[in-house]
Amino acid sequence: MKLRTLIAALAVTAGLAAGTHANAALAVDVHYNDWDMPITGKLIDGTTYVPLRQFFTQLGGSWVTWNTESRSATVKGNASATFYLDSSAARYNGTEQTLTGRTFAVNGTMYVPLRGLAGVLHCDITYDGAARRVTLSTPEETASNNDAVYWLARIIEAESGAEPYRGKLAVGNVILNRVKSADFPNSIYGVIFDRKNGVQFTPVANGTIYNTPSEESVRAAKDCLSGTSVVGNCLYFFNPKTATKAGWIIQNCRYFASIGNHDFYLSN
């Protein structure tokens, strides 16, 4: 099974006082595959902590709300969990959980044990003491066709739910073309959640990737997987009316066709 990997490389820093955590701490540089997430965490007494809100903001698809009365932070969206300030109690995966350390706040930022977030995201977690590295690994995608349809239908729905059927096929074609390309991850899941050069698809950032697809989007996914192609080897698409970062595509790729509200481009 392929793994999508979130790596936290640890570098020694000066001692740090964080509430009752007055022990020396290590700074944590967080990486997601080849993407260096702009997050600094803390290693205290063998437990790695990360800033909760910033972690899920960068990961995309989730947001965090604060409840003053219960002094708790709740994650909503593609992940669901509640963490309580100055406590090792939490709730996720439908049950009460005990974290590996107590949460704490520094300058209004709540830090949560990374192992707890691994549980929320259904990840495996391993530590390399010599390299000062902690790794979260989540299963990408099994080889079953059902999983392929599951993810392909969701990106088709999220990107082209209001488009004509041909437009849905075109979006599905782009995803599968990227899977075949050496420049992109080699699985549907990997292409959709690719962050090597930043978030590739807006639905991953806003959480709509997890919306239930229509029957037409599911049918389009199945047709694409069966070999139906309407845009050749196109690797890119965007809506020229709403896109704000399409300059690179226009300057470096070849226009192929417009279908519905999307323009499709071939790689040069």
C-alpha atoms as a PDB file:
ATOM      1  CA  MET A   1       0.000   0.000   0.000  1.00  0.00           C
ATOM      2  CA  LYS A   2       1.329   3.405  -0.941  1.00  0.00           C
ATOM      3  CA  LEU A   3       1.746   5.958   1.795  1.00  0.00           C
ATOM      4  CA  ARG A   4       1.159   9.660   1.816  1.00  0.00           C
ATOM      5  CA  THR A   5       3.737  10.960   4.237  1.00  0.00           C
ATOM      6  CA  LEU A   6       3.788  13.894   6.582  1.00  0.00           C
ATOM      7  CA  ILE A   7       7.343  14.366   7.926  1.00  0.00           C
ATOM      8  CA  ALA A   8       8.358  16.516  10.872  1.00  0.00           C
ATOM      9  CA  ALA A   9      12.135  17.055  10.934  1.00  0.00           C
ATOM     10  CA  LEU A  10      13.327  18.086  14.377  1.00  0.00           C
ATOM     11  CA  ALA A  11      16.022  20.738  15.018  1.00  0.00           C
ATOM     12  CA  VAL A  12      17.468  21.680  18.433  1.00  0.00           C
ATOM     13  CA  THR A  13      16.487  25.086  19.783  1.00  0.00           C
ATOM     14  CA  ALA A  14      16.773  27.000  23.056  1.00  0.00           C
ATOM     15  CA  GLY A  15      14.751  26.162  26.175  1.00  0.00           C
ATOM     16  CA  LEU A  16      11.145  27.296  26.066  1.00  0.00           C
ATOM     17  CA  ALA A  17       8.517  27.861  28.740  1.00  0.00           C
ATOM     18  CA  ALA A  18       4.960  27.073  27.660  1.00  0.00           C
ATOM     19  CA  GLY A  19       2.534  27.337  30.578  1.00  0.00           C
ATOM     20  CA  THR A  20       3.394  24.405  32.835  1.00  0.00           C
ATOM     21  CA  HIS A  21       5.675  23.045  30.061  1.00  0.00           C
ATOM     22  CA  ALA A  22       8.838  24.739  31.327  1.00  0.00           C
ATOM     23  CA  ASN A  23      11.152  22.055  29.939  1.00  0.00           C
ATOM     24  CA  ALA A  24      13.658  22.457  27.116  1.00  0.00           C
ATOM     25  CA  ALA A  25      11.932  22.032  23.738  1.00  0.00           C
ATOM     26  CA  LEU A  26      12.896  21.116  20.207  1.00  0.00           C
ATOM     27  CA  ALA A  27      11.535  23.064  17.243  1.00  0.00           C
ATOM     28  CA  VAL A  28       9.661  21.055  14.613  1.00  0.00           C
ATOM     29  CA  ASP A  29       9.736  21.714  10.866  1.00  0.00           C
ATOM     30  CA  VAL A  30       6.715  19.998   9.325  1.00  0.00           C
ATOM     31  CA  HIS A  31       6.808  18.505   5.835  1.00  0.00           C
ATOM     32  CA  TYR A  32       4.003  16.942   3.799  1.00  0.00           C
ATOM     33  CA  ASN A  33       5.539  14.733   1.120  1.00  0.00           C
ATOM     34  CA  ASP A  34       7.834  17.180  -0.691  1.00  0.00           C
ATOM     35  CA  TRP A  35       5.963  20.187   0.676  1.00  0.00           C
ATOM     36  CA  ASP A  36       7.544  22.144   3.513  1.00  0.00           C
ATOM     37  CA  MET A  37       4.539  23.220   5.572  1.00  0.00           C
ATOM     38  CA  PRO A  38       5.007  26.662   7.159  1.00  0.00           C
ATOM     39  CA  ILE A  39       4.475  25.293  10.670  1.00  0.00           C
ATOM     40  CA  THR A  40       6.748  25.265  13.710  1.00  0.00           C
ATOM     41  CA  GLY A  41       5.927  22.726  16.403  1.00  0.00           C
ATOM     42  CA  LYS A  42       7.502  21.797  19.722  1.00  0.00           C
ATOM     43  CA  LEU A  43       8.932  18.558  21.146  1.00  0.00           C
ATOM     44  CA  ILE A  44       8.497  18.437  24.925  1.00  0.00           C
ATOM     45  CA  ASP A  45       9.201  15.411  27.138  1.00  0.00           C
ATOM     46  CA  GLY A  46       9.075  13.060  24.174  1.00  0.00           C
ATOM     47  CA  THR A  47       5.780  14.394  22.814  1.00  0.00           C
ATOM     48  CA  THR A  48       5.577  16.438  19.625  1.00  0.00           C
ATOM     49  CA  TYR A  49       3.033  19.274  19.678  1.00  0.00           C
ATOM     50  CA  VAL A  50       1.784  21.291  16.701  1.00  0.00           C
ATOM     51  CA  PRO A  51      -0.366  24.448  16.518  1.00  0.00           C
ATOM     52  CA  LEU A  52      -3.866  23.059  15.969  1.00  0.00           C
ATOM     53  CA  ARG A  53      -5.495  25.777  13.876  1.00  0.00           C
ATOM     54  CA  GLN A  54      -2.459  26.349  11.660  1.00  0.00           C
ATOM     55  CA  PHE A  55      -2.012  22.608  11.082  1.00  0.00           C
ATOM     56  CA  PHE A  56      -5.521  22.102   9.732  1.00  0.00           C
ATOM     57  CA  THR A  57      -5.528  25.399   7.836  1.00  0.00           C
ATOM     58  CA  GLN A  58      -2.433  24.304   5.950  1.00  0.00           C
ATOM     59  CA  LEU A  59      -3.717  20.766   5.452  1.00  0.00           C
ATOM     60  CA  GLY A  60      -6.892  22.147   3.875  1.00  0.00           C
ATOM     61  CA  GLY A  61     -10.503  21.040   3.972  1.00  0.00           C
ATOM     62  CA  SER A  62     -11.022  21.708   7.696  1.00  0.00           C
ATOM     63  CA  TRP A  63     -11.446  24.641  10.039  1.00  0.00           C
ATOM     64  CA  VAL A  64     -11.228  25.149  13.800  1.00  0.00           C
ATOM     65  CA  THR A  65     -13.744  26.871  16.088  1.00  0.00           C
ATOM     66  CA  TRP A  66     -13.198  27.921  19.701  1.00  0.00           C
ATOM     67  CA  ASN A  67     -15.711  27.500  22.559  1.00  0.00           C
ATOM     68  CA  THR A  68     -14.932  29.932  25.375  1.00  0.00           C
ATOM     69  CA  GLU A  69     -17.260  28.291  27.891  1.00  0.00           C
ATOM     70  CA  SER A  70     -15.761  24.792  27.599  1.00  0.00           C
ATOM     71  CA  ARG A  71     -12.289  26.085  26.673  1.00  0.00           C
ATOM     72  CA  SER A  72     -12.219  23.705  23.746  1.00  0.00           C
ATOM     73  CA  ALA A  73     -11.264  23.787  20.070  1.00  0.00           C
ATOM     74  CA  THR A  74     -13.318  21.796  17.578  1.00  0.00           C
ATOM     75  CA  VAL A  75     -12.106  20.699  14.147  1.00  0.00           C
ATOM     76  CA  LYS A  76     -14.792  20.537  11.471  1.00  0.00           C
ATOM     77  CA  GLY A  77     -14.772  19.618   7.796  1.00  0.00           C
ATOM     78  CA  ASN A  78     -12.917  16.613   6.422  1.00  0.00           C
ATOM     79  CA  ALA A  79     -11.678  15.955   9.961  1.00  0.00           C
ATOM     80  CA  SER A  80     -13.755  15.991  13.139  1.00  0.00           C
ATOM     81  CA  ALA A  81     -12.399  16.299  16.678  1.00  0.00           C
ATOM     82  CA  THR A  82     -12.568  18.318  19.887  1.00  0.00           C
ATOM     83  CA  PHE A  83      -9.577  19.178  22.080  1.00  0.00           C
ATOM     84  CA  TYR A  84      -9.732  20.805  25.520  1.00  0.00           C
ATOM     85  CA  LEU A  85      -7.192  23.378  26.663  1.00  0.00           C
ATOM     86  CA  ASP A  86      -4.784  22.294  29.449  1.00  0.00           C
ATOM     87  CA  SER A  87      -6.143  18.766  29.229  1.00  0.00           C
ATOM     88  CA  SER A  88      -5.216  15.365  27.831  1.00  0.00           C
ATOM     89  CA  ALA A  89      -8.890  14.654  27.122  1.00  0.00           C
ATOM     90  CA  ALA A  90     -10.190  14.788  23.573  1.00  0.00           C
ATOM     91  CA  ARG A  91     -12.947  13.377  21.427  1.00  0.00           C
ATOM     92  CA  TYR A  92     -12.521  11.971  17.926  1.00  0.00           C
ATOM     93  CA  ASN A  93     -13.436   8.912  15.891  1.00  0.00           C
ATOM     94  CA  GLY A  94     -16.731   8.933  17.789  1.00  0.00           C
ATOM     95  CA  THR A  95     -15.250   8.251  21.234  1.00  0.00           C
ATOM     96  CA  GLU A  96     -13.492   9.895  24.155  1.00  0.00           C
ATOM     97  CA  GLN A  97      -9.713   9.749  23.786  1.00  0.00           C
ATOM     98  CA  THR A  98      -6.717  10.347  26.043  1.00  0.00           C
ATOM     99  CA  LEU A  99      -3.836  12.234  24.436  1.00  0.00           C
ATOM    100  CA  THR A 100      -0.159  11.533  25.031  1.00  0.00           C
ATOM    101  CA  GLY A 101       0.202  14.931  26.709  1.00  0.00           C
ATOM    102  CA  ARG A 102      -1.798  17.912  27.900  1.00  0.00           C
ATOM    103  CA  THR A 103      -2.672  20.588  25.383  1.00  0.00           C
ATOM    104  CA  PHE A 104      -1.412  24.093  26.098  1.00  0.00           C
ATOM    105  CA  ALA A 105      -1.462  27.581  24.626  1.00  0.00           C
ATOM    106  CA  VAL A 106       1.348  29.997  23.750  1.00  0.00           C
ATOM    107  CA  ASN A 107       0.361  33.563  22.888  1.00  0.00           C
ATOM    108  CA  GLY A 108      -3.193  32.479  22.114  1.00  0.00           C
ATOM    109  CA  THR A 109      -2.125  29.500  19.969  1.00  0.00           C
ATOM    110  CA  MET A 110      -3.303  26.068  21.099  1.00  0.00           C
ATOM    111  CA  TYR A 111      -0.816  23.204  20.750  1.00  0.00           C
ATOM    112  CA  VAL A 112      -1.991  19.590  20.524  1.00  0.00           C
ATOM    113  CA  PRO A 113       0.018  16.336  20.581  1.00  0.00           C
ATOM    114  CA  LEU A 114       0.759  15.241  17.021  1.00  0.00           C
ATOM    115  CA  ARG A 115      -0.126  11.656  17.888  1.00  0.00           C
ATOM    116  CA  GLY A 116      -3.658  12.853  18.639  1.00  0.00           C
ATOM    117  CA  LEU A 117      -3.906  14.391  15.178  1.00  0.00           C
ATOM    118  CA  ALA A 118      -2.606  11.120  13.750  1.00  0.00           C
ATOM    119  CA  GLY A 119      -5.586   9.445  15.372  1.00  0.00           C
ATOM    120  CA  VAL A 120      -7.992  11.996  13.919  1.00  0.00           C
ATOM    121  CA  LEU A 121      -6.558  11.490  10.429  1.00  0.00           C
ATOM    122  CA  HIS A 122      -6.250   7.693  10.791  1.00  0.00           C
ATOM    123  CA  CYS A 123      -2.488   7.863  10.296  1.00  0.00           C
ATOM    124  CA  ASP A 124       0.356   5.648  11.434  1.00  0.00           C
ATOM    125  CA  ILE A 125       3.103   7.482  13.277  1.00  0.00           C
ATOM    126  CA  THR A 126       6.766   6.558  13.641  1.00  0.00           C
ATOM    127  CA  TYR A 127       9.712   8.272  15.312  1.00  0.00           C
ATOM    128  CA  ASP A 128      13.350   8.294  14.266  1.00  0.00           C
ATOM    129  CA  GLY A 129      15.301   9.440  17.270  1.00  0.00           C
ATOM    130  CA  ALA A 130      18.653   9.537  15.513  1.00  0.00           C
ATOM    131  CA  ALA A 131      17.300  11.724  12.725  1.00  0.00           C
ATOM    132  CA  ARG A 132      15.054  13.649  15.111  1.00  0.00           C
ATOM    133  CA  ARG A 133      12.129  13.024  12.812  1.00  0.00           C
ATOM    134  CA  VAL A 134       8.522  12.019  13.301  1.00  0.00           C
ATOM    135  CA  THR A 135       6.486  10.688  10.387  1.00  0.00           C
ATOM    136  CA  LEU A 136       2.733  10.514   9.879  1.00  0.00           C
ATOM    137  CA  SER A 137       1.719   8.061   7.156  1.00  0.00           C
ATOM    138  CA  THR A 138      -1.797   7.594   5.781  1.00  0.00           C
ATOM    139  CA  PRO A 139      -2.910   4.998   3.234  1.00  0.00           C
ATOM    140  CA  GLU A 140      -3.341   6.687  -0.135  1.00  0.00           C
ATOM    141  CA  GLU A 141      -5.434   4.424  -2.223  1.00  0.00           C
ATOM    142  CA  THR A 142      -5.860   0.677  -2.547  1.00  0.00           C
ATOM    143  CA  ALA A 143      -5.761  -1.005  -5.907  1.00  0.00           C
ATOM    144  CA  SER A 144      -9.510  -1.645  -5.973  1.00  0.00           C
ATOM    145  CA  ASN A 145     -11.548  -0.017  -8.715  1.00  0.00           C
ATOM    146  CA  ASN A 146     -14.137   1.052  -6.127  1.00  0.00           C
ATOM    147  CA  ASP A 147     -11.590   3.344  -4.469  1.00  0.00           C
ATOM    148  CA  ALA A 148     -10.593   4.782  -7.843  1.00  0.00           C
ATOM    149  CA  VAL A 149     -14.221   5.598  -8.626  1.00  0.00           C
ATOM    150  CA  TYR A 150     -14.713   6.985  -5.110  1.00  0.00           C
ATOM    151  CA  TRP A 151     -12.007   9.658  -5.434  1.00  0.00           C
ATOM    152  CA  LEU A 152     -12.342  10.366  -9.145  1.00  0.00           C
ATOM    153  CA  ALA A 153     -16.109  10.925  -8.818  1.00  0.00           C
ATOM    154  CA  ARG A 154     -15.534  13.342  -5.941  1.00  0.00           C
ATOM    155  CA  ILE A 155     -13.034  15.540  -7.762  1.00  0.00           C
ATOM    156  CA  ILE A 156     -15.274  15.504 -10.858  1.00  0.00           C
ATOM    157  CA  GLU A 157     -18.269  16.590  -8.769  1.00  0.00           C
ATOM    158  CA  ALA A 158     -16.308  19.231  -6.854  1.00  0.00           C
ATOM    159  CA  GLU A 159     -14.701  20.759  -9.956  1.00  0.00           C
ATOM    160  CA  SER A 160     -17.468  20.293 -12.519  1.00  0.00           C
ATOM    161  CA  GLY A 161     -20.723  19.396 -10.778  1.00  0.00           C
ATOM    162  CA  ALA A 162     -22.585  22.090 -12.737  1.00  0.00           C
ATOM    163  CA  GLU A 163     -20.777  21.381 -16.016  1.00  0.00           C
ATOM    164  CA  PRO A 164     -22.201  19.365 -18.927  1.00  0.00           C
ATOM    165  CA  TYR A 165     -21.378  15.659 -19.021  1.00  0.00           C
ATOM    166  CA  ARG A 166     -18.566  16.221 -21.498  1.00  0.00           C
ATOM    167  CA  GLY A 167     -17.068  18.722 -19.047  1.00  0.00           C
ATOM    168  CA  LYS A 168     -17.175  16.118 -16.286  1.00  0.00           C
ATOM    169  CA  LEU A 169     -15.392  13.631 -18.522  1.00  0.00           C
ATOM    170  CA  ALA A 170     -12.761  16.239 -19.354  1.00  0.00           C
ATOM    171  CA  VAL A 171     -11.955  16.889 -15.685  1.00  0.00           C
ATOM    172  CA  GLY A 172     -11.719  13.150 -15.040  1.00  0.00           C
ATOM    173  CA  ASN A 173      -9.409  12.800 -18.047  1.00  0.00           C
ATOM    174  CA  VAL A 174      -7.036  15.451 -16.651  1.00  0.00           C
ATOM    175  CA  ILE A 175      -6.800  13.612 -13.330  1.00  0.00           C
ATOM    176  CA  LEU A 176      -6.018  10.293 -15.024  1.00  0.00           C
ATOM    177  CA  ASN A 177      -3.532  11.965 -17.382  1.00  0.00           C
ATOM    178  CA  ARG A 178      -1.681  13.297 -14.358  1.00  0.00           C
ATOM    179  CA  VAL A 179      -1.592   9.812 -12.828  1.00  0.00           C
ATOM    180  CA  LYS A 180       0.180   8.618 -16.001  1.00  0.00           C
ATOM    181  CA  SER A 181       2.574  11.583 -16.094  1.00  0.00           C
ATOM    182  CA  ALA A 182       6.006  11.385 -14.447  1.00  0.00           C
ATOM    183  CA  ASP A 183       5.508  14.978 -13.240  1.00  0.00           C
ATOM    184  CA  PHE A 184       2.669  14.058 -10.863  1.00  0.00           C
ATOM    185  CA  PRO A 185       1.890  11.404  -8.235  1.00  0.00           C
ATOM    186  CA  ASN A 186       0.999   7.989  -9.644  1.00  0.00           C
ATOM    187  CA  SER A 187      -2.404   7.504  -8.024  1.00  0.00           C
ATOM    188  CA  ILE A 188      -5.749   9.292  -8.218  1.00  0.00           C
ATOM    189  CA  TYR A 189      -5.637  10.103  -4.509  1.00  0.00           C
ATOM    190  CA  GLY A 190      -2.067  11.343  -4.820  1.00  0.00           C
ATOM    191  CA  VAL A 191      -2.911  13.628  -7.751  1.00  0.00           C
ATOM    192  CA  ILE A 192      -5.953  15.104  -6.011  1.00  0.00           C
ATOM    193  CA  PHE A 193      -4.099  15.826  -2.759  1.00  0.00           C
ATOM    194  CA  ASP A 194      -0.775  16.742  -4.389  1.00  0.00           C
ATOM    195  CA  ARG A 195       0.868  19.677  -2.567  1.00  0.00           C
ATOM    196  CA  LYS A 196       4.342  19.664  -4.105  1.00  0.00           C
ATOM    197  CA  ASN A 197       3.799  23.131  -5.559  1.00  0.00           C
ATOM    198  CA  GLY A 198       0.935  24.135  -3.296  1.00  0.00           C
ATOM    199  CA  VAL A 199      -2.661  22.917  -3.292  1.00  0.00           C
ATOM    200  CA  GLN A 200      -3.504  21.814  -6.843  1.00  0.00           C
ATOM    201  CA  PHE A 201      -7.301  21.817  -6.620  1.00  0.00           C
ATOM    202  CA  THR A 202      -9.485  24.335  -4.791  1.00  0.00           C
ATOM    203  CA  PRO A 203     -11.926  21.640  -3.511  1.00  0.00           C
ATOM    204  CA  VAL A 204      -9.078  20.188  -1.438  1.00  0.00           C
ATOM    205  CA  ALA A 205      -8.581  23.547   0.269  1.00  0.00           C
ATOM    206  CA  ASN A 206     -12.258  24.303   0.893  1.00  0.00           C
ATOM    207  CA  GLY A 207     -13.381  20.766   1.740  1.00  0.00           C
ATOM    208  CA  THR A 208     -15.842  20.253  -1.123  1.00  0.00           C
ATOM    209  CA  ILE A 209     -13.747  17.282  -2.265  1.00  0.00           C
ATOM    210  CA  TYR A 210     -15.643  15.342   0.413  1.00  0.00           C
ATOM    211  CA  ASN A 211     -19.119  16.175  -0.914  1.00  0.00           C
ATOM    212  CA  THR A 212     -21.181  13.247  -2.137  1.00  0.00           C
ATOM    213  CA  PRO A 213     -20.974  13.058  -5.953  1.00  0.00           C
ATOM    214  CA  SER A 214     -24.042  12.944  -8.181  1.00  0.00           C
ATOM    215  CA  GLU A 215     -24.936   9.834 -10.152  1.00  0.00           C
ATOM    216  CA  GLU A 216     -23.720  11.626 -13.287  1.00  0.00           C
ATOM    217  CA  SER A 217     -20.314  12.335 -11.716  1.00  0.00           C
ATOM    218  CA  VAL A 218     -20.009   8.683 -10.698  1.00  0.00           C
ATOM    219  CA  ARG A 219     -20.911   7.611 -14.240  1.00  0.00           C
ATOM    220  CA  ALA A 220     -18.344  10.026 -15.664  1.00  0.00           C
ATOM    221  CA  ALA A 221     -15.676   8.588 -13.352  1.00  0.00           C
ATOM    222  CA  LYS A 222     -16.480   5.055 -14.485  1.00  0.00           C
ATOM    223  CA  ASP A 223     -16.452   6.085 -18.145  1.00  0.00           C
ATOM    224  CA  CYS A 224     -13.059   7.798 -17.730  1.00  0.00           C
ATOM    225  CA  LEU A 225     -11.629   4.719 -16.035  1.00  0.00           C
ATOM    226  CA  SER A 226     -12.992   2.623 -18.908  1.00  0.00           C
ATOM    227  CA  GLY A 227     -11.016   4.690 -21.409  1.00  0.00           C
ATOM    228  CA  THR A 228     -13.397   7.451 -22.555  1.00  0.00           C
ATOM    229  CA  SER A 229     -11.318  10.531 -23.408  1.00  0.00           C
ATOM    230  CA  VAL A 230     -12.402  13.958 -24.682  1.00  0.00           C
ATOM    231  CA  VAL A 231      -9.322  16.128 -24.067  1.00  0.00           C
ATOM    232  CA  GLY A 232      -6.434  13.967 -25.233  1.00  0.00           C
ATOM    233  CA  ASN A 233      -3.344  14.312 -23.030  1.00  0.00           C
ATOM    234  CA  CYS A 234      -4.338  17.559 -21.292  1.00  0.00           C
ATOM    235  CA  LEU A 235      -2.838  18.009 -17.840  1.00  0.00           C
ATOM    236  CA  TYR A 236      -4.379  21.338 -16.839  1.00  0.00           C
ATOM    237  CA  PHE A 237      -7.727  23.099 -16.749  1.00  0.00           C
ATOM    238  CA  PHE A 238      -9.163  26.244 -15.208  1.00  0.00           C
ATOM    239  CA  ASN A 239     -12.168  28.529 -15.368  1.00  0.00           C
ATOM    240  CA  PRO A 240     -10.930  31.724 -17.088  1.00  0.00           C
ATOM    241  CA  LYS A 241     -13.700  33.741 -15.416  1.00  0.00           C
ATOM    242  CA  THR A 242     -12.683  32.873 -11.871  1.00  0.00           C
ATOM    243  CA  ALA A 243      -9.081  31.603 -11.946  1.00  0.00           C
ATOM    244  CA  THR A 244      -6.547  33.856 -10.216  1.00  0.00           C
ATOM    245  CA  LYS A 245      -3.379  31.770 -10.709  1.00  0.00           C
ATOM    246  CA  ALA A 246      -3.624  30.570 -14.301  1.00  0.00           C
ATOM    247  CA  GLY A 247      -0.809  32.719 -15.659  1.00  0.00           C
ATOM    248  CA  TRP A 248       1.768  29.924 -15.556  1.00  0.00           C
ATOM    249  CA  ILE A 249      -0.499  27.575 -17.523  1.00  0.00           C
ATOM    250  CA  ILE A 250      -1.262  30.188 -20.180  1.00  0.00           C
ATOM    251  CA  GLN A 251       2.398  31.086 -20.613  1.00  0.00           C
ATOM    252  CA  ASN A 252       3.877  27.594 -20.519  1.00  0.00           C
ATOM    253  CA  CYS A 253       1.224  25.270 -21.932  1.00  0.00           C
ATOM    254  CA  ARG A 254      -0.735  24.852 -25.186  1.00  0.00           C
ATOM    255  CA  TYR A 255      -4.438  25.612 -25.315  1.00  0.00           C
ATOM    256  CA  PHE A 256      -6.468  22.570 -26.386  1.00  0.00           C
ATOM    257  CA  ALA A 257     -10.181  23.303 -26.031  1.00  0.00           C
ATOM    258  CA  SER A 258     -12.926  24.952 -23.993  1.00  0.00           C
ATOM    259  CA  ILE A 259     -15.676  22.754 -22.591  1.00  0.00           C
ATOM    260  CA  GLY A 260     -18.396  24.402 -20.552  1.00  0.00           C
ATOM    261  CA  ASN A 261     -16.736  26.929 -18.255  1.00  0.00           C
ATOM    262  CA  HIS A 262     -13.277  25.336 -18.352  1.00  0.00           C
ATOM    263  CA  ASP A 263     -10.287  25.794 -20.641  1.00  0.00           C
ATOM    264  CA  PHE A 264      -8.042  22.753 -21.090  1.00  0.00           C
ATOM    265  CA  TYR A 265      -4.297  22.833 -21.766  1.00  0.00           C
ATOM    266  CA  LEU A 266      -1.608  20.428 -22.924  1.00  0.00           C
ATOM    267  CA  SER A 267       1.884  20.433 -21.476  1.00  0.00           C
ATOM    268  CA  ASN A 268       4.520  21.768 -23.897  1.00  0.00           C
END
